[in-house]
Amino acid sequence: MNFYPQERIALFIDGANLYSAARGLNFDIDYRRLLEHFRSKGTMIRAFYYTALIEDQDYSPLRPLIDWLDYNGYSVVTKPAKEFTDAQGRRRIKGNMDIELAIDAMEMAPNIDHLVLFSGDGDFRRLVDAIQRKGKRVTVISTTRSQPPMIADELRRQADQFIELETMRNLIGRNGGTPNQVKAVPVDDDYEDDDYEYEDDDDLPVRA
């Protein structure tokens, strides 16, 4: 990884996209280790995590993860997801956070030197280009090794550097006994309402 100690760094995590990439590689993200890793690379200005939440739900399987992130160094950005019925009569959940992430990234750009984007979504190519034209470096982290690959080719080409998520498994992967995150499926355009997964109480986040 090409990082410089004097750089001011900000992380922008597309929660649903990162979850899908890690799931495709068969490992879980340890968000404490992730934050510690990038803090060691430079001066961490902010770490944003974006996800949509279903309204009017008695309990969201994402809530423990969101609470843990809030208490442990992340700025969590959420918005209500929308539920609808598709043409086949299936209940679907839609919750795209691209606009929120893009606006925050443009606002943060004057205060950082290096933006790290955890997403493979090709819609972010123009955002990366805009950030680069402000004289900032952009690293994109996703994977080509899942089936199908999660990283859009145009986004990978635009980034100053692309980091294969699989190569970070030992740096930010969740160890068997680490109780600091919940295995929950973030809401995004392609998720159905029965895609949520929630483990037992041993997986509940621990507040520091």
Protein backbone atom coordinates (compact mmCIF):
# COMPACT_ATOMS: atom_id res chain seq x y z
CA MET A 1 0.00 0.00 0.00
CA ASN A 2 1.28 3.45 -0.89
CA PHE A 3 0.59 5.75 2.06
CA TYR A 4 2.73 8.54 3.48
CA PRO A 5 3.03 9.18 7.26
CA GLN A 6 2.29 12.91 6.90
CA GLU A 7 -0.96 12.36 5.00
CA ARG A 8 -4.36 13.28 6.37
CA ILE A 9 -6.61 10.30 5.63
CA ALA A 10 -10.38 9.85 5.51
CA LEU A 11 -12.20 6.54 5.06
CA PHE A 12 -15.51 6.32 3.20
CA ILE A 13 -17.14 2.92 3.63
CA ASP A 14 -20.08 1.88 1.49
CA GLY A 15 -21.42 -0.57 4.07
CA ALA A 16 -23.54 -2.74 1.78
CA ASN A 17 -20.86 -2.93 -0.89
CA LEU A 18 -18.09 -3.82 1.54
CA TYR A 19 -20.25 -6.47 3.17
CA SER A 20 -20.96 -8.07 -0.21
CA ALA A 21 -17.27 -8.02 -1.18
CA ALA A 22 -16.16 -9.60 2.11
CA ARG A 23 -18.97 -12.16 1.95
CA GLY A 24 -17.84 -13.09 -1.57
CA LEU A 25 -14.38 -13.76 -0.14
CA ASN A 26 -15.76 -15.69 2.86
CA PHE A 27 -14.53 -13.50 5.67
CA ASP A 28 -15.97 -10.91 8.04
CA ILE A 29 -14.62 -7.42 8.59
CA ASP A 30 -13.25 -6.53 12.02
CA TYR A 31 -13.97 -2.81 12.15
CA ARG A 32 -11.70 -2.19 15.13
CA ARG A 33 -8.73 -3.71 13.30
CA LEU A 34 -9.66 -1.82 10.12
CA LEU A 35 -9.61 1.53 11.92
CA GLU A 36 -6.36 0.75 13.76
CA HIS A 37 -4.70 -0.29 10.52
CA PHE A 38 -5.41 2.97 8.73
CA ARG A 39 -4.61 5.07 11.77
CA SER A 40 -1.11 3.60 11.54
CA LYS A 41 -0.80 4.83 7.94
CA GLY A 42 -1.15 8.57 8.59
CA THR A 43 -3.33 11.10 10.42
CA MET A 44 -6.89 9.81 10.49
CA ILE A 45 -9.30 12.73 10.05
CA ARG A 46 -12.58 10.81 9.80
CA ALA A 47 -13.95 7.34 9.09
CA PHE A 48 -17.45 7.35 7.60
CA TYR A 49 -19.72 4.31 7.39
CA TYR A 50 -22.86 4.50 5.20
CA THR A 51 -25.89 2.26 5.40
CA ALA A 52 -29.67 2.40 5.03
CA LEU A 53 -32.04 1.15 7.73
CA ILE A 54 -35.57 -0.20 7.39
CA GLU A 55 -38.15 2.06 9.00
CA ASP A 56 -40.90 0.80 11.30
CA GLN A 57 -39.00 -2.35 12.17
CA ASP A 58 -39.21 -3.42 15.82
CA TYR A 59 -35.61 -4.59 15.66
CA SER A 60 -32.98 -4.06 12.98
CA PRO A 61 -30.15 -6.61 12.83
CA LEU A 62 -27.90 -3.73 11.80
CA ARG A 63 -28.55 -1.72 14.99
CA PRO A 64 -25.90 -3.38 17.21
CA LEU A 65 -23.25 -2.84 14.52
CA ILE A 66 -24.31 0.79 14.05
CA ASP A 67 -24.20 1.40 17.80
CA TRP A 68 -20.76 -0.17 18.08
CA LEU A 69 -19.38 1.92 15.22
CA ASP A 70 -20.84 5.09 16.74
CA TYR A 71 -19.05 4.44 20.03
CA ASN A 72 -15.75 3.36 18.48
CA GLY A 73 -14.46 6.05 16.19
CA TYR A 74 -16.75 5.96 13.16
CA SER A 75 -19.11 8.61 11.83
CA VAL A 76 -22.19 6.63 10.84
CA VAL A 77 -24.49 8.02 8.16
CA THR A 78 -27.89 6.36 7.77
CA LYS A 79 -31.17 7.01 6.03
CA PRO A 80 -34.47 5.14 5.86
CA ALA A 81 -34.65 2.34 3.32
CA LYS A 82 -37.69 1.96 1.10
CA GLU A 83 -39.68 -1.24 0.87
CA PHE A 84 -41.57 -2.11 -2.31
CA THR A 85 -42.97 -5.03 -4.27
CA ASP A 86 -41.30 -5.89 -7.58
CA ALA A 87 -42.94 -7.14 -10.79
CA GLN A 88 -42.77 -10.75 -9.56
CA GLY A 89 -44.59 -9.86 -6.35
CA ARG A 90 -41.49 -10.15 -4.16
CA ARG A 91 -40.85 -7.73 -1.32
CA ARG A 92 -37.68 -5.74 -1.97
CA ILE A 93 -35.63 -3.25 0.01
CA LYS A 94 -33.98 -0.22 -1.61
CA GLY A 95 -31.53 2.04 0.17
CA ASN A 96 -28.82 3.68 -1.94
CA MET A 97 -26.31 5.90 -0.09
CA ASP A 98 -24.27 7.13 -3.08
CA ILE A 99 -25.41 10.77 -2.87
CA GLU A 100 -24.72 11.04 0.85
CA LEU A 101 -21.22 9.59 0.46
CA ALA A 102 -20.40 11.81 -2.52
CA ILE A 103 -21.50 15.01 -0.79
CA ASP A 104 -19.53 14.23 2.35
CA ALA A 105 -16.44 13.35 0.32
CA MET A 106 -16.54 16.63 -1.59
CA GLU A 107 -17.01 18.58 1.64
CA MET A 108 -14.11 16.79 3.32
CA ALA A 109 -11.73 17.10 0.37
CA PRO A 110 -10.13 20.43 1.41
CA ASN A 111 -9.18 18.93 4.79
CA ILE A 112 -7.55 15.68 3.64
CA ASP A 113 -4.70 14.47 1.45
CA HIS A 114 -5.82 10.90 0.80
CA LEU A 115 -9.34 9.49 0.47
CA VAL A 116 -9.85 5.76 0.93
CA LEU A 117 -13.04 4.44 -0.65
CA PHE A 118 -14.36 1.02 0.31
CA SER A 119 -16.63 0.32 -2.65
CA GLY A 120 -16.52 -1.19 -6.11
CA ASP A 121 -19.50 0.78 -7.41
CA GLY A 122 -18.73 2.27 -10.82
CA ASP A 123 -21.03 5.21 -10.07
CA PHE A 124 -18.23 6.60 -7.89
CA ARG A 125 -15.83 7.05 -10.82
CA ARG A 126 -16.87 10.67 -11.35
CA LEU A 127 -16.54 11.36 -7.63
CA VAL A 128 -13.00 9.94 -7.61
CA ASP A 129 -12.13 12.08 -10.64
CA ALA A 130 -13.49 15.21 -8.92
CA ILE A 131 -11.50 14.51 -5.75
CA GLN A 132 -8.33 13.94 -7.76
CA ARG A 133 -8.79 17.24 -9.58
CA LYS A 134 -8.63 18.91 -6.16
CA GLY A 135 -5.11 17.54 -5.79
CA LYS A 136 -6.01 14.61 -3.53
CA ARG A 137 -5.05 10.96 -3.86
CA VAL A 138 -7.74 8.26 -3.90
CA THR A 139 -7.36 4.61 -2.98
CA VAL A 140 -10.20 2.21 -3.82
CA ILE A 141 -10.57 -1.05 -1.90
CA SER A 142 -12.74 -3.83 -3.31
CA THR A 143 -12.22 -7.21 -4.95
CA THR A 144 -11.75 -8.83 -8.33
CA ARG A 145 -11.65 -12.30 -6.75
CA SER A 146 -15.32 -12.74 -5.89
CA GLN A 147 -17.80 -14.22 -8.34
CA PRO A 148 -18.80 -11.95 -9.90
CA PRO A 149 -16.04 -9.36 -9.24
CA MET A 150 -17.25 -6.46 -7.07
CA ILE A 151 -15.03 -3.75 -8.55
CA ALA A 152 -16.14 -1.87 -11.66
CA ASP A 153 -13.32 -1.61 -14.18
CA GLU A 154 -13.84 2.12 -14.72
CA LEU A 155 -13.53 2.81 -10.99
CA ARG A 156 -10.40 0.68 -10.69
CA ARG A 157 -8.77 2.52 -13.60
CA GLN A 158 -9.65 5.94 -12.18
CA ALA A 159 -8.21 5.34 -8.70
CA ASP A 160 -4.62 6.30 -7.87
CA GLN A 161 -4.26 2.84 -6.42
CA PHE A 162 -6.51 -0.18 -6.14
CA ILE A 163 -6.14 -2.54 -3.18
CA GLU A 164 -7.49 -6.05 -3.49
CA LEU A 165 -9.60 -6.73 -0.39
CA GLU A 166 -8.44 -10.35 -0.28
CA THR A 167 -4.87 -9.19 0.40
CA MET A 168 -6.10 -7.42 3.56
CA ARG A 169 -7.77 -10.48 5.07
CA ASN A 170 -5.07 -10.93 7.73
CA LEU A 171 -5.02 -7.21 8.52
CA ILE A 172 -8.72 -6.44 8.91
CA GLY A 173 -10.41 -9.84 9.00
CA ARG A 174 -12.43 -10.88 12.02
CA ASN A 175 -10.79 -13.49 14.24
CA GLY A 176 -12.94 -16.26 15.68
CA GLY A 177 -13.23 -14.86 19.21
CA THR A 178 -13.36 -11.14 18.56
CA PRO A 179 -16.77 -9.85 19.74
CA ASN A 180 -16.71 -6.42 18.14
CA GLN A 181 -19.12 -6.63 15.26
CA VAL A 182 -22.42 -8.12 14.21
CA LYS A 183 -22.77 -10.20 11.06
CA ALA A 184 -25.64 -8.30 9.49
CA VAL A 185 -26.52 -7.62 5.88
CA PRO A 186 -26.70 -3.89 5.11
CA VAL A 187 -29.64 -2.74 3.02
CA ASP A 188 -28.94 -1.97 -0.62
CA ASP A 189 -30.68 -2.01 -3.96
CA ASP A 190 -30.37 -5.74 -4.63
CA TYR A 191 -31.14 -7.14 -1.19
CA GLU A 192 -34.43 -8.79 -0.39
CA ASP A 193 -35.98 -8.45 3.05
CA ASP A 194 -35.13 -12.05 3.97
CA ASP A 195 -31.42 -11.54 3.24
CA TYR A 196 -30.69 -10.37 6.77
CA GLU A 197 -28.45 -12.60 8.82
CA TYR A 198 -27.98 -12.24 12.55
CA GLU A 199 -25.78 -14.34 14.76
CA ASP A 200 -26.21 -15.22 18.43
CA ASP A 201 -25.49 -12.98 21.41
CA ASP A 202 -21.78 -13.81 21.33
CA ASP A 203 -21.51 -11.67 18.21
CA LEU A 204 -22.97 -8.54 19.77
CA PRO A 205 -20.62 -5.54 19.63
CA VAL A 206 -18.74 -4.49 22.73
CA ARG A 207 -18.61 -0.81 23.56
CA ALA A 208 -15.19 0.39 24.58
